[in-house]
């Protein structure tokens, strides 16, 4: 049995046991999920043949290892159709994975170009986010992650995008702390131009990540 067919059978088994609903909110993941559903009958037949070939006393350790790997991958994807307590906050994108809830705030909402001082309007958005954290996740760790686009720094005092992203994350950190989020549960990190999104505008962002399990 070739590798591609084996992988198909793994995905079929995951569909049977209920893991495919974790396929995520992104269009690409949704398309993959729909395609897998459409192929379910064919894959089920393949799985039945594989079970017959392996036999009840056969070595299924490799099969089980692949299933566990796919489970871990799918658990890290945004949950399709999952609602979060942040959904009613205008201008932000919130999604859940198996272990975190992430609130993605566009950089253009928070900061002027090349700046690290929060816009006055941004404080209202962050105050709403802080309110949800205090009511729903008062004892959870909250990670504030800053990101930039890939344009090099030219006309600001920041050495590079990494420094700019860290300073922006720190500004959001301070605003959340000022709204009553316990500093013992907060930390900030800057990632510069790492993890770019589809456009430069979307790449400029701060992500507030609530860790659901340590």
N, C-alpha and C. Protein backbone atom coordinates (compact mmCIF):
# COMPACT_ATOMS: atom_id res chain seq x y z
N UNK A 1 0.86 -1.18 0.00
CA UNK A 1 0.00 0.00 0.00
C UNK A 1 0.89 1.23 0.00
N UNK A 2 0.71 2.16 -0.96
CA UNK A 2 1.61 3.31 -1.04
C UNK A 2 1.29 4.34 0.03
N UNK A 3 2.22 5.34 0.18
CA UNK A 3 2.08 6.32 1.24
C UNK A 3 0.85 7.18 1.11
N UNK A 4 0.52 7.58 -0.13
CA UNK A 4 -0.65 8.44 -0.33
C UNK A 4 -1.93 7.74 0.10
N UNK A 5 -2.07 6.47 -0.28
CA UNK A 5 -3.28 5.74 0.09
C UNK A 5 -3.35 5.54 1.60
N UNK A 6 -2.20 5.28 2.23
CA UNK A 6 -2.19 5.14 3.68
C UNK A 6 -2.65 6.42 4.36
N UNK A 7 -2.16 7.56 3.87
CA UNK A 7 -2.55 8.84 4.47
C UNK A 7 -4.04 9.09 4.29
N UNK A 8 -4.58 8.72 3.11
CA UNK A 8 -6.02 8.87 2.89
C UNK A 8 -6.80 8.06 3.92
N UNK A 9 -6.32 6.86 4.17
CA UNK A 9 -7.04 6.02 5.13
C UNK A 9 -6.97 6.61 6.54
N UNK A 10 -5.86 7.24 6.86
CA UNK A 10 -5.76 7.88 8.17
C UNK A 10 -6.80 8.99 8.30
N UNK A 11 -6.92 9.79 7.26
CA UNK A 11 -7.89 10.88 7.28
C UNK A 11 -9.31 10.35 7.36
N UNK A 12 -9.56 9.24 6.69
CA UNK A 12 -10.89 8.63 6.75
C UNK A 12 -11.20 8.19 8.17
N UNK A 13 -10.23 7.58 8.82
CA UNK A 13 -10.45 7.14 10.19
C UNK A 13 -10.72 8.33 11.10
N UNK A 14 -10.00 9.42 10.89
CA UNK A 14 -10.25 10.61 11.69
C UNK A 14 -11.64 11.16 11.46
N UNK A 15 -12.13 11.06 10.23
CA UNK A 15 -13.50 11.51 9.95
C UNK A 15 -14.49 10.67 10.72
N UNK A 16 -14.23 9.36 10.77
CA UNK A 16 -15.15 8.45 11.46
C UNK A 16 -15.20 8.76 12.95
N UNK A 17 -14.03 9.10 13.55
CA UNK A 17 -14.02 9.30 14.99
C UNK A 17 -14.25 10.76 15.37
N UNK A 18 -14.49 11.61 14.39
CA UNK A 18 -15.00 12.94 14.71
C UNK A 18 -13.99 14.05 14.80
N UNK A 19 -12.82 13.91 14.20
CA UNK A 19 -11.83 14.97 14.32
C UNK A 19 -11.89 15.97 13.18
N UNK A 20 -12.46 15.65 12.07
CA UNK A 20 -12.46 16.56 10.93
C UNK A 20 -13.20 17.85 11.15
N UNK A 21 -14.18 17.99 12.06
CA UNK A 21 -14.77 19.30 12.31
C UNK A 21 -13.77 20.33 12.79
N UNK A 22 -12.54 19.94 13.14
CA UNK A 22 -11.53 20.90 13.55
C UNK A 22 -10.80 21.50 12.36
N UNK A 23 -11.38 21.46 11.18
CA UNK A 23 -10.66 21.85 9.97
C UNK A 23 -10.41 23.32 9.84
N UNK A 24 -11.05 24.15 10.66
CA UNK A 24 -10.66 25.55 10.69
C UNK A 24 -11.56 26.47 9.93
N UNK A 25 -11.26 27.78 10.10
CA UNK A 25 -12.07 28.83 9.51
C UNK A 25 -11.53 29.29 8.17
N UNK A 26 -10.28 29.07 7.87
CA UNK A 26 -9.73 29.53 6.62
C UNK A 26 -10.35 28.79 5.45
N UNK A 27 -10.46 29.48 4.32
CA UNK A 27 -11.09 28.88 3.14
C UNK A 27 -10.37 27.62 2.69
N UNK A 28 -9.04 27.64 2.73
CA UNK A 28 -8.30 26.47 2.27
C UNK A 28 -8.65 25.25 3.09
N UNK A 29 -8.71 25.42 4.41
CA UNK A 29 -9.03 24.29 5.28
C UNK A 29 -10.45 23.82 5.08
N UNK A 30 -11.37 24.75 4.85
CA UNK A 30 -12.76 24.38 4.60
C UNK A 30 -12.87 23.55 3.34
N UNK A 31 -12.14 23.96 2.29
CA UNK A 31 -12.18 23.21 1.03
C UNK A 31 -11.63 21.81 1.22
N UNK A 32 -10.55 21.69 2.00
CA UNK A 32 -9.99 20.36 2.25
C UNK A 32 -10.99 19.49 3.00
N UNK A 33 -11.66 20.09 3.98
CA UNK A 33 -12.66 19.33 4.75
C UNK A 33 -13.78 18.84 3.86
N UNK A 34 -14.31 19.74 3.01
CA UNK A 34 -15.41 19.37 2.13
C UNK A 34 -15.00 18.26 1.16
N UNK A 35 -13.77 18.37 0.65
CA UNK A 35 -13.28 17.33 -0.26
C UNK A 35 -13.18 15.99 0.44
N UNK A 36 -12.74 16.01 1.69
CA UNK A 36 -12.63 14.76 2.44
C UNK A 36 -14.00 14.13 2.69
N UNK A 37 -14.97 14.96 3.00
CA UNK A 37 -16.32 14.44 3.18
C UNK A 37 -16.82 13.78 1.90
N UNK A 38 -16.55 14.43 0.75
CA UNK A 38 -17.02 13.90 -0.53
C UNK A 38 -16.39 12.55 -0.85
N UNK A 39 -15.15 12.35 -0.36
CA UNK A 39 -14.44 11.10 -0.65
C UNK A 39 -14.65 10.04 0.44
N UNK A 40 -15.50 10.32 1.39
CA UNK A 40 -15.58 9.46 2.57
C UNK A 40 -15.91 8.01 2.24
N UNK A 41 -16.84 7.81 1.31
CA UNK A 41 -17.24 6.46 0.99
C UNK A 41 -16.08 5.65 0.41
N UNK A 42 -15.36 6.27 -0.52
CA UNK A 42 -14.20 5.59 -1.13
C UNK A 42 -13.14 5.28 -0.08
N UNK A 43 -12.88 6.23 0.81
CA UNK A 43 -11.86 6.04 1.82
C UNK A 43 -12.27 4.97 2.83
N UNK A 44 -13.57 4.90 3.13
CA UNK A 44 -14.04 3.87 4.05
C UNK A 44 -13.79 2.48 3.46
N UNK A 45 -14.00 2.35 2.16
CA UNK A 45 -13.72 1.07 1.52
C UNK A 45 -12.23 0.74 1.59
N UNK A 46 -11.37 1.76 1.36
CA UNK A 46 -9.93 1.56 1.47
C UNK A 46 -9.55 1.12 2.88
N UNK A 47 -10.17 1.73 3.87
CA UNK A 47 -9.88 1.40 5.25
C UNK A 47 -10.27 -0.03 5.57
N UNK A 48 -11.43 -0.45 5.08
CA UNK A 48 -11.87 -1.82 5.31
C UNK A 48 -10.88 -2.81 4.70
N UNK A 49 -10.38 -2.48 3.50
CA UNK A 49 -9.41 -3.37 2.85
C UNK A 49 -8.11 -3.41 3.64
N UNK A 50 -7.72 -2.25 4.17
CA UNK A 50 -6.47 -2.20 4.94
C UNK A 50 -6.58 -3.02 6.20
N UNK A 51 -7.72 -2.92 6.86
CA UNK A 51 -7.91 -3.69 8.09
C UNK A 51 -7.84 -5.19 7.79
N UNK A 52 -8.42 -5.58 6.66
CA UNK A 52 -8.40 -6.99 6.30
C UNK A 52 -6.97 -7.43 5.99
N UNK A 53 -6.19 -6.53 5.36
CA UNK A 53 -4.81 -6.89 5.00
C UNK A 53 -3.92 -6.99 6.23
N UNK A 54 -4.13 -6.07 7.18
CA UNK A 54 -3.30 -6.09 8.38
C UNK A 54 -3.62 -7.30 9.24
N UNK A 55 -4.92 -7.60 9.36
CA UNK A 55 -5.32 -8.72 10.18
C UNK A 55 -5.37 -8.35 11.65
N UNK A 56 -6.09 -9.11 12.40
CA UNK A 56 -6.29 -8.77 13.82
C UNK A 56 -5.01 -8.85 14.62
N UNK A 57 -4.04 -9.64 14.18
CA UNK A 57 -2.80 -9.77 14.95
C UNK A 57 -1.66 -8.99 14.36
N UNK A 58 -1.91 -8.16 13.33
CA UNK A 58 -0.85 -7.44 12.66
C UNK A 58 -0.32 -6.27 13.48
N UNK A 59 0.82 -5.74 13.04
CA UNK A 59 1.44 -4.60 13.71
C UNK A 59 0.81 -3.31 13.19
N UNK A 60 0.04 -2.63 14.04
CA UNK A 60 -0.64 -1.39 13.65
C UNK A 60 0.02 -0.16 14.29
N UNK A 61 1.24 -0.30 14.79
CA UNK A 61 1.88 0.81 15.50
C UNK A 61 2.12 2.00 14.58
N UNK A 62 2.54 1.74 13.33
CA UNK A 62 2.78 2.84 12.39
C UNK A 62 1.48 3.56 12.07
N UNK A 63 0.40 2.78 11.91
CA UNK A 63 -0.91 3.36 11.64
C UNK A 63 -1.35 4.25 12.80
N UNK A 64 -1.18 3.77 14.01
CA UNK A 64 -1.59 4.53 15.18
C UNK A 64 -0.76 5.80 15.33
N UNK A 65 0.54 5.71 15.02
CA UNK A 65 1.40 6.89 15.12
C UNK A 65 0.96 7.97 14.15
N UNK A 66 0.56 7.57 12.94
CA UNK A 66 0.09 8.55 11.95
C UNK A 66 -1.21 9.19 12.40
N UNK A 67 -2.11 8.39 12.98
CA UNK A 67 -3.37 8.93 13.49
C UNK A 67 -3.10 9.99 14.57
N UNK A 68 -2.19 9.68 15.48
CA UNK A 68 -1.90 10.63 16.56
C UNK A 68 -1.27 11.90 16.01
N UNK A 69 -0.43 11.78 14.98
CA UNK A 69 0.17 12.96 14.36
C UNK A 69 -0.89 13.85 13.73
N UNK A 70 -1.84 13.22 13.02
CA UNK A 70 -2.90 13.99 12.39
C UNK A 70 -3.82 14.63 13.42
N UNK A 71 -4.08 13.93 14.51
CA UNK A 71 -4.88 14.51 15.58
C UNK A 71 -4.23 15.79 16.10
N UNK A 72 -2.92 15.73 16.32
CA UNK A 72 -2.21 16.90 16.85
C UNK A 72 -2.26 18.06 15.86
N UNK A 73 -2.09 17.76 14.57
CA UNK A 73 -2.13 18.82 13.56
C UNK A 73 -3.51 19.46 13.50
N UNK A 74 -4.54 18.64 13.51
CA UNK A 74 -5.90 19.17 13.41
C UNK A 74 -6.29 19.94 14.66
N UNK A 75 -5.81 19.52 15.82
CA UNK A 75 -6.14 20.22 17.07
C UNK A 75 -5.54 21.61 17.11
N UNK A 76 -4.47 21.84 16.34
CA UNK A 76 -3.82 23.16 16.34
C UNK A 76 -4.45 24.12 15.35
N UNK A 77 -5.42 23.66 14.55
CA UNK A 77 -6.06 24.51 13.58
C UNK A 77 -7.25 25.23 14.20
N UNK A 78 -7.57 26.44 13.67
CA UNK A 78 -8.79 27.12 14.14
C UNK A 78 -10.01 26.23 14.01
N UNK A 79 -10.89 26.31 14.97
CA UNK A 79 -12.05 25.42 15.01
C UNK A 79 -13.16 25.97 14.14
N UNK A 80 -13.64 25.18 13.20
CA UNK A 80 -14.70 25.62 12.30
C UNK A 80 -15.97 25.93 13.07
N UNK A 81 -16.49 27.14 12.85
CA UNK A 81 -17.76 27.50 13.45
C UNK A 81 -17.71 27.77 14.93
N UNK A 82 -16.50 27.80 15.52
CA UNK A 82 -16.41 28.01 16.96
C UNK A 82 -16.67 29.47 17.29
N UNK A 83 -17.49 29.71 18.31
CA UNK A 83 -17.75 31.06 18.78
C UNK A 83 -16.84 31.36 19.96
N UNK A 84 -16.45 32.63 20.09
CA UNK A 84 -15.66 33.05 21.24
C UNK A 84 -16.36 34.21 21.91
N UNK A 85 -15.94 34.51 23.12
CA UNK A 85 -16.54 35.62 23.87
C UNK A 85 -16.13 36.97 23.31
N UNK A 86 -15.18 36.99 22.36
CA UNK A 86 -14.69 38.24 21.79
C UNK A 86 -15.40 38.61 20.48
N UNK A 87 -16.32 37.78 20.02
CA UNK A 87 -16.89 37.96 18.68
C UNK A 87 -17.66 39.25 18.51
N UNK A 88 -18.17 39.83 19.58
CA UNK A 88 -18.99 41.03 19.46
C UNK A 88 -18.17 42.32 19.42
N UNK A 89 -16.85 42.21 19.55
CA UNK A 89 -15.99 43.41 19.55
C UNK A 89 -15.70 43.81 18.11
N UNK A 90 -16.07 45.02 17.71
CA UNK A 90 -15.88 45.44 16.31
C UNK A 90 -14.41 45.53 15.92
N UNK A 91 -14.13 45.14 14.69
CA UNK A 91 -12.80 45.34 14.11
C UNK A 91 -11.78 44.29 14.41
N UNK A 92 -12.10 43.31 15.25
CA UNK A 92 -11.12 42.28 15.59
C UNK A 92 -11.56 40.95 15.00
N UNK A 93 -10.62 40.04 14.91
CA UNK A 93 -10.90 38.67 14.44
C UNK A 93 -10.51 37.72 15.56
N UNK A 94 -11.45 36.93 16.02
CA UNK A 94 -11.19 36.01 17.12
C UNK A 94 -11.44 34.58 16.65
N UNK A 95 -10.56 33.68 17.07
CA UNK A 95 -10.76 32.28 16.74
C UNK A 95 -10.17 31.40 17.84
N UNK A 96 -10.63 30.17 17.86
CA UNK A 96 -10.22 29.23 18.90
C UNK A 96 -9.49 28.05 18.27
N UNK A 97 -8.48 27.55 18.99
CA UNK A 97 -7.85 26.28 18.64
C UNK A 97 -8.06 25.34 19.82
N UNK A 98 -7.41 24.19 19.76
CA UNK A 98 -7.57 23.25 20.85
C UNK A 98 -7.06 23.77 22.19
N UNK A 99 -6.07 24.68 22.18
CA UNK A 99 -5.48 25.11 23.43
C UNK A 99 -5.43 26.60 23.67
N UNK A 100 -5.91 27.40 22.72
CA UNK A 100 -5.86 28.86 22.87
C UNK A 100 -7.08 29.51 22.25
N UNK A 101 -7.32 30.76 22.69
CA UNK A 101 -8.25 31.65 21.99
C UNK A 101 -7.43 32.87 21.59
N UNK A 102 -7.44 33.21 20.31
CA UNK A 102 -6.63 34.31 19.80
C UNK A 102 -7.51 35.45 19.32
N UNK A 103 -7.18 36.67 19.74
CA UNK A 103 -7.85 37.87 19.26
C UNK A 103 -6.85 38.63 18.41
N UNK A 104 -7.13 38.74 17.14
CA UNK A 104 -6.22 39.39 16.19
C UNK A 104 -6.71 40.82 15.96
N UNK A 105 -5.87 41.81 16.32
CA UNK A 105 -6.24 43.21 16.19
C UNK A 105 -5.36 43.84 15.12
N UNK A 106 -5.93 44.36 14.03
CA UNK A 106 -5.13 44.97 12.96
C UNK A 106 -4.28 46.12 13.48
N UNK A 107 -3.04 46.19 13.01
CA UNK A 107 -2.15 47.26 13.44
C UNK A 107 -2.67 48.63 13.11
N UNK A 108 -3.39 48.76 11.99
CA UNK A 108 -3.90 50.06 11.59
C UNK A 108 -4.98 50.57 12.55
N UNK A 109 -5.64 49.68 13.26
CA UNK A 109 -6.58 50.09 14.29
C UNK A 109 -5.84 50.62 15.52
N UNK A 110 -4.69 50.04 15.80
CA UNK A 110 -3.97 50.34 17.03
C UNK A 110 -3.01 51.52 16.91
N UNK A 111 -2.27 51.61 15.79
CA UNK A 111 -1.15 52.53 15.70
C UNK A 111 -1.13 53.29 14.38
N UNK A 112 -0.56 54.49 14.41
CA UNK A 112 -0.21 55.18 13.17
C UNK A 112 1.04 54.52 12.60
N UNK A 113 1.32 54.75 11.32
CA UNK A 113 2.45 54.11 10.65
C UNK A 113 3.77 54.41 11.36
N UNK A 114 4.50 53.34 11.70
CA UNK A 114 5.81 53.49 12.32
C UNK A 114 5.78 53.91 13.77
N UNK A 115 4.61 54.00 14.38
CA UNK A 115 4.48 54.49 15.75
C UNK A 115 4.17 53.35 16.71
N UNK A 116 4.39 53.61 18.01
CA UNK A 116 4.09 52.62 19.03
C UNK A 116 3.13 53.16 20.08
N UNK A 117 2.71 54.40 19.91
CA UNK A 117 1.71 54.97 20.82
C UNK A 117 0.32 54.59 20.34
N UNK A 118 -0.49 54.07 21.24
CA UNK A 118 -1.83 53.64 20.87
C UNK A 118 -2.68 54.83 20.45
N UNK A 119 -3.47 54.65 19.41
CA UNK A 119 -4.49 55.64 19.06
C UNK A 119 -5.53 55.68 20.17
N UNK A 120 -6.14 56.83 20.36
CA UNK A 120 -7.19 56.94 21.38
C UNK A 120 -8.34 55.97 21.10
N UNK A 121 -8.68 55.82 19.82
CA UNK A 121 -9.77 54.90 19.46
C UNK A 121 -9.39 53.45 19.74
N UNK A 122 -8.09 53.15 19.69
CA UNK A 122 -7.64 51.78 19.94
C UNK A 122 -7.86 51.38 21.38
N UNK A 123 -7.77 52.33 22.28
CA UNK A 123 -7.91 52.03 23.71
C UNK A 123 -9.30 51.46 24.01
N UNK A 124 -10.32 51.97 23.31
CA UNK A 124 -11.67 51.44 23.51
C UNK A 124 -11.74 49.97 23.13
N UNK A 125 -11.12 49.63 21.98
CA UNK A 125 -11.11 48.23 21.54
C UNK A 125 -10.39 47.35 22.56
N UNK A 126 -9.23 47.79 23.01
CA UNK A 126 -8.46 46.99 23.97
C UNK A 126 -9.17 46.90 25.31
N UNK A 127 -9.88 47.95 25.69
CA UNK A 127 -10.62 47.90 26.96
C UNK A 127 -11.74 46.86 26.90
N UNK A 128 -12.38 46.74 25.73
CA UNK A 128 -13.40 45.71 25.58
C UNK A 128 -12.78 44.31 25.65
N UNK A 129 -11.62 44.15 25.03
CA UNK A 129 -10.92 42.86 25.10
C UNK A 129 -10.55 42.54 26.54
N UNK A 130 -10.04 43.54 27.25
CA UNK A 130 -9.66 43.33 28.66
C UNK A 130 -10.88 42.93 29.49
N UNK A 131 -12.02 43.53 29.19
CA UNK A 131 -13.24 43.19 29.94
C UNK A 131 -13.63 41.73 29.77
N UNK A 132 -13.49 41.22 28.54
CA UNK A 132 -13.81 39.81 28.30
C UNK A 132 -12.81 38.91 29.03
N UNK A 133 -11.54 39.27 28.96
CA UNK A 133 -10.52 38.46 29.64
C UNK A 133 -10.80 38.39 31.13
N UNK A 134 -11.12 39.52 31.73
CA UNK A 134 -11.37 39.55 33.18
C UNK A 134 -12.59 38.73 33.56
N UNK A 135 -13.61 38.74 32.71
CA UNK A 135 -14.84 38.02 33.06
C UNK A 135 -14.78 36.54 32.71
N UNK A 136 -14.11 36.21 31.60
CA UNK A 136 -14.13 34.83 31.12
C UNK A 136 -12.84 34.05 31.41
N UNK A 137 -11.70 34.75 31.48
CA UNK A 137 -10.42 34.06 31.62
C UNK A 137 -9.55 34.75 32.69
N UNK A 138 -10.06 34.97 33.90
CA UNK A 138 -9.32 35.77 34.88
C UNK A 138 -8.02 35.14 35.36
N UNK A 139 -7.88 33.84 35.24
CA UNK A 139 -6.69 33.17 35.76
C UNK A 139 -5.82 32.56 34.67
N UNK A 140 -6.13 32.88 33.41
CA UNK A 140 -5.37 32.31 32.31
C UNK A 140 -4.18 33.18 31.93
N UNK A 141 -3.14 32.56 31.42
CA UNK A 141 -2.02 33.30 30.86
C UNK A 141 -2.45 33.97 29.57
N UNK A 142 -2.02 35.21 29.38
CA UNK A 142 -2.34 35.97 28.17
C UNK A 142 -1.03 36.41 27.51
N UNK A 143 -0.84 36.00 26.29
CA UNK A 143 0.38 36.31 25.55
C UNK A 143 0.07 37.39 24.50
N UNK A 144 0.77 38.50 24.54
CA UNK A 144 0.56 39.59 23.59
C UNK A 144 1.68 39.53 22.55
N UNK A 145 1.32 39.27 21.29
CA UNK A 145 2.30 39.07 20.24
C UNK A 145 2.22 40.20 19.21
N UNK A 146 3.35 40.86 18.96
CA UNK A 146 3.40 41.92 17.97
C UNK A 146 4.01 41.44 16.66
N UNK A 147 3.42 41.90 15.54
CA UNK A 147 3.91 41.55 14.21
C UNK A 147 3.94 42.79 13.32
N UNK A 148 4.82 42.79 12.33
CA UNK A 148 4.89 43.87 11.36
C UNK A 148 4.81 43.30 9.95
N UNK A 149 4.80 44.21 8.95
CA UNK A 149 4.95 43.73 7.58
C UNK A 149 6.43 43.56 7.27
N UNK A 150 6.76 43.29 6.02
CA UNK A 150 8.15 42.99 5.65
C UNK A 150 8.94 44.21 5.21
N UNK A 151 8.31 45.39 5.17
CA UNK A 151 9.03 46.60 4.75
C UNK A 151 10.11 46.94 5.76
N UNK A 152 11.34 47.19 5.31
CA UNK A 152 12.40 47.53 6.26
C UNK A 152 12.17 48.89 6.91
N UNK A 153 12.67 49.04 8.12
CA UNK A 153 12.58 50.30 8.85
C UNK A 153 13.53 51.32 8.22
N UNK A 154 13.00 52.50 7.89
CA UNK A 154 13.83 53.54 7.28
C UNK A 154 13.72 54.89 7.98
N UNK A 155 12.50 55.28 8.38
CA UNK A 155 12.29 56.63 8.85
C UNK A 155 11.72 56.67 10.27
N UNK A 156 12.16 55.79 11.10
CA UNK A 156 11.74 55.84 12.50
C UNK A 156 12.93 55.50 13.37
N UNK A 157 12.76 55.67 14.67
CA UNK A 157 13.87 55.44 15.59
C UNK A 157 14.09 53.98 15.91
N UNK A 158 13.22 53.12 15.41
CA UNK A 158 13.34 51.70 15.73
C UNK A 158 14.41 51.05 14.86
N UNK A 159 15.20 50.21 15.45
CA UNK A 159 16.32 49.60 14.74
C UNK A 159 15.84 48.71 13.60
N UNK A 160 14.79 47.95 13.85
CA UNK A 160 14.28 47.03 12.83
C UNK A 160 12.85 46.65 13.19
N UNK A 161 12.25 45.81 12.35
CA UNK A 161 10.87 45.40 12.56
C UNK A 161 10.68 44.60 13.84
N UNK A 162 11.70 43.87 14.24
CA UNK A 162 11.60 43.10 15.47
C UNK A 162 11.41 44.03 16.67
N UNK A 163 12.21 45.10 16.72
CA UNK A 163 12.09 46.06 17.81
C UNK A 163 10.75 46.78 17.78
N UNK A 164 10.30 47.15 16.58
CA UNK A 164 9.01 47.82 16.45
C UNK A 164 7.88 46.92 16.94
N UNK A 165 7.92 45.65 16.55
CA UNK A 165 6.85 44.73 16.94
C UNK A 165 6.83 44.52 18.45
N UNK A 166 7.99 44.48 19.06
CA UNK A 166 8.06 44.28 20.51
C UNK A 166 7.51 45.50 21.25
N UNK A 167 7.86 46.70 20.77
CA UNK A 167 7.36 47.91 21.40
C UNK A 167 5.84 48.02 21.26
N UNK A 168 5.31 47.60 20.14
CA UNK A 168 3.86 47.62 19.95
C UNK A 168 3.18 46.60 20.86
N UNK A 169 3.76 45.43 20.98
CA UNK A 169 3.20 44.44 21.90
C UNK A 169 3.24 44.97 23.33
N UNK A 170 4.32 45.67 23.68
CA UNK A 170 4.43 46.22 25.03
C UNK A 170 3.37 47.28 25.29
N UNK A 171 3.04 48.09 24.26
CA UNK A 171 2.01 49.11 24.43
C UNK A 171 0.65 48.48 24.71
N UNK A 172 0.34 47.40 24.00
CA UNK A 172 -0.92 46.69 24.24
C UNK A 172 -0.90 46.03 25.61
N UNK A 173 0.23 45.44 25.95
CA UNK A 173 0.39 44.83 27.29
C UNK A 173 0.05 45.86 28.37
N UNK A 174 0.63 47.06 28.25
CA UNK A 174 0.42 48.07 29.29
C UNK A 174 -1.04 48.51 29.37
N UNK A 175 -1.70 48.59 28.22
CA UNK A 175 -3.11 48.98 28.23
C UNK A 175 -3.97 47.92 28.89
N UNK A 176 -3.69 46.66 28.61
CA UNK A 176 -4.43 45.57 29.25
C UNK A 176 -4.18 45.57 30.76
N UNK A 177 -2.93 45.79 31.13
CA UNK A 177 -2.60 45.82 32.56
C UNK A 177 -3.32 46.98 33.25
N UNK A 178 -3.37 48.13 32.56
CA UNK A 178 -4.05 49.30 33.14
C UNK A 178 -5.54 49.04 33.34
N UNK A 179 -6.09 48.10 32.57
CA UNK A 179 -7.50 47.76 32.69
C UNK A 179 -7.75 46.64 33.69
N UNK A 180 -6.71 46.25 34.41
CA UNK A 180 -6.91 45.31 35.50
C UNK A 180 -6.50 43.87 35.23
N UNK A 181 -5.87 43.61 34.09
CA UNK A 181 -5.35 42.26 33.85
C UNK A 181 -4.10 42.07 34.69
N UNK A 182 -4.07 41.02 35.47
CA UNK A 182 -2.96 40.75 36.39
C UNK A 182 -1.66 40.60 35.61
N UNK A 183 -0.64 41.38 35.97
CA UNK A 183 0.65 41.32 35.29
C UNK A 183 1.30 39.94 35.41
N UNK A 184 0.96 39.20 36.46
CA UNK A 184 1.50 37.85 36.62
C UNK A 184 0.99 36.90 35.54
N UNK A 185 -0.10 37.28 34.89
CA UNK A 185 -0.68 36.43 33.84
C UNK A 185 -0.40 36.95 32.44
N UNK A 186 0.34 38.06 32.34
CA UNK A 186 0.59 38.71 31.06
C UNK A 186 2.05 38.60 30.66
N UNK A 187 2.33 38.43 29.36
CA UNK A 187 3.67 38.68 28.86
C UNK A 187 3.59 39.08 27.40
N UNK A 188 4.62 39.81 26.95
CA UNK A 188 4.63 40.35 25.59
C UNK A 188 5.81 39.79 24.82
N UNK A 189 5.61 39.64 23.52
CA UNK A 189 6.68 39.15 22.64
C UNK A 189 6.55 39.82 21.28
N UNK A 190 7.69 40.11 20.66
CA UNK A 190 7.69 40.68 19.32
C UNK A 190 8.26 39.70 18.32
N UNK A 191 7.60 39.57 17.17
CA UNK A 191 8.03 38.61 16.15
C UNK A 191 8.39 39.28 14.82
N UNK A 192 8.37 40.61 14.78
CA UNK A 192 8.74 41.30 13.56
C UNK A 192 7.91 40.87 12.38
N UNK A 193 8.58 40.57 11.28
CA UNK A 193 7.89 40.19 10.05
C UNK A 193 7.63 38.69 9.94
N UNK A 194 7.87 37.96 11.01
CA UNK A 194 7.58 36.52 10.99
C UNK A 194 6.08 36.28 10.84
N UNK A 195 5.73 35.13 10.35
CA UNK A 195 4.34 34.71 10.18
C UNK A 195 3.52 35.74 9.39
N UNK A 196 3.97 36.11 8.20
CA UNK A 196 3.20 37.08 7.40
C UNK A 196 1.85 36.53 7.00
N UNK A 197 0.90 37.45 6.78
CA UNK A 197 -0.42 37.08 6.31
C UNK A 197 -0.56 37.42 4.83
N UNK A 198 -1.79 37.41 4.31
CA UNK A 198 -1.99 37.53 2.87
C UNK A 198 -1.53 38.87 2.31
N UNK A 199 -1.64 39.92 3.09
CA UNK A 199 -1.25 41.26 2.65
C UNK A 199 -0.40 41.92 3.72
N UNK A 200 0.27 43.01 3.34
CA UNK A 200 1.06 43.75 4.31
C UNK A 200 0.18 44.33 5.41
N UNK A 201 -0.99 44.84 5.02
CA UNK A 201 -1.90 45.42 6.01
C UNK A 201 -2.32 44.39 7.05
N UNK A 202 -2.61 43.17 6.61
CA UNK A 202 -3.00 42.12 7.55
C UNK A 202 -1.81 41.62 8.38
N UNK A 203 -0.61 41.74 7.82
CA UNK A 203 0.58 41.30 8.55
C UNK A 203 0.87 42.22 9.73
N UNK A 204 0.53 43.49 9.60
CA UNK A 204 0.71 44.44 10.71
C UNK A 204 -0.41 44.23 11.71
N UNK A 205 -0.08 43.65 12.84
CA UNK A 205 -1.14 43.28 13.78
C UNK A 205 -0.56 43.00 15.15
N UNK A 206 -1.45 42.96 16.13
CA UNK A 206 -1.11 42.43 17.46
C UNK A 206 -2.11 41.33 17.75
N UNK A 207 -1.62 40.18 18.20
CA UNK A 207 -2.47 39.07 18.55
C UNK A 207 -2.43 38.86 20.06
N UNK A 208 -3.60 38.84 20.65
CA UNK A 208 -3.75 38.62 22.09
C UNK A 208 -4.22 37.18 22.26
N UNK A 209 -3.33 36.36 22.80
CA UNK A 209 -3.56 34.91 22.85
C UNK A 209 -3.84 34.49 24.28
N UNK A 210 -5.03 33.98 24.52
CA UNK A 210 -5.41 33.45 25.83
C UNK A 210 -5.08 31.97 25.84
N UNK A 211 -4.21 31.56 26.73
CA UNK A 211 -3.79 30.15 26.81
C UNK A 211 -4.79 29.40 27.68
N UNK A 212 -5.47 28.44 27.08
CA UNK A 212 -6.51 27.70 27.81
C UNK A 212 -5.95 26.58 28.65
N UNK A 213 -4.82 26.03 28.22
CA UNK A 213 -4.19 24.97 29.01
C UNK A 213 -2.69 25.09 28.88
N UNK A 214 -2.01 24.95 29.98
CA UNK A 214 -0.55 25.12 30.02
C UNK A 214 0.15 23.85 29.59
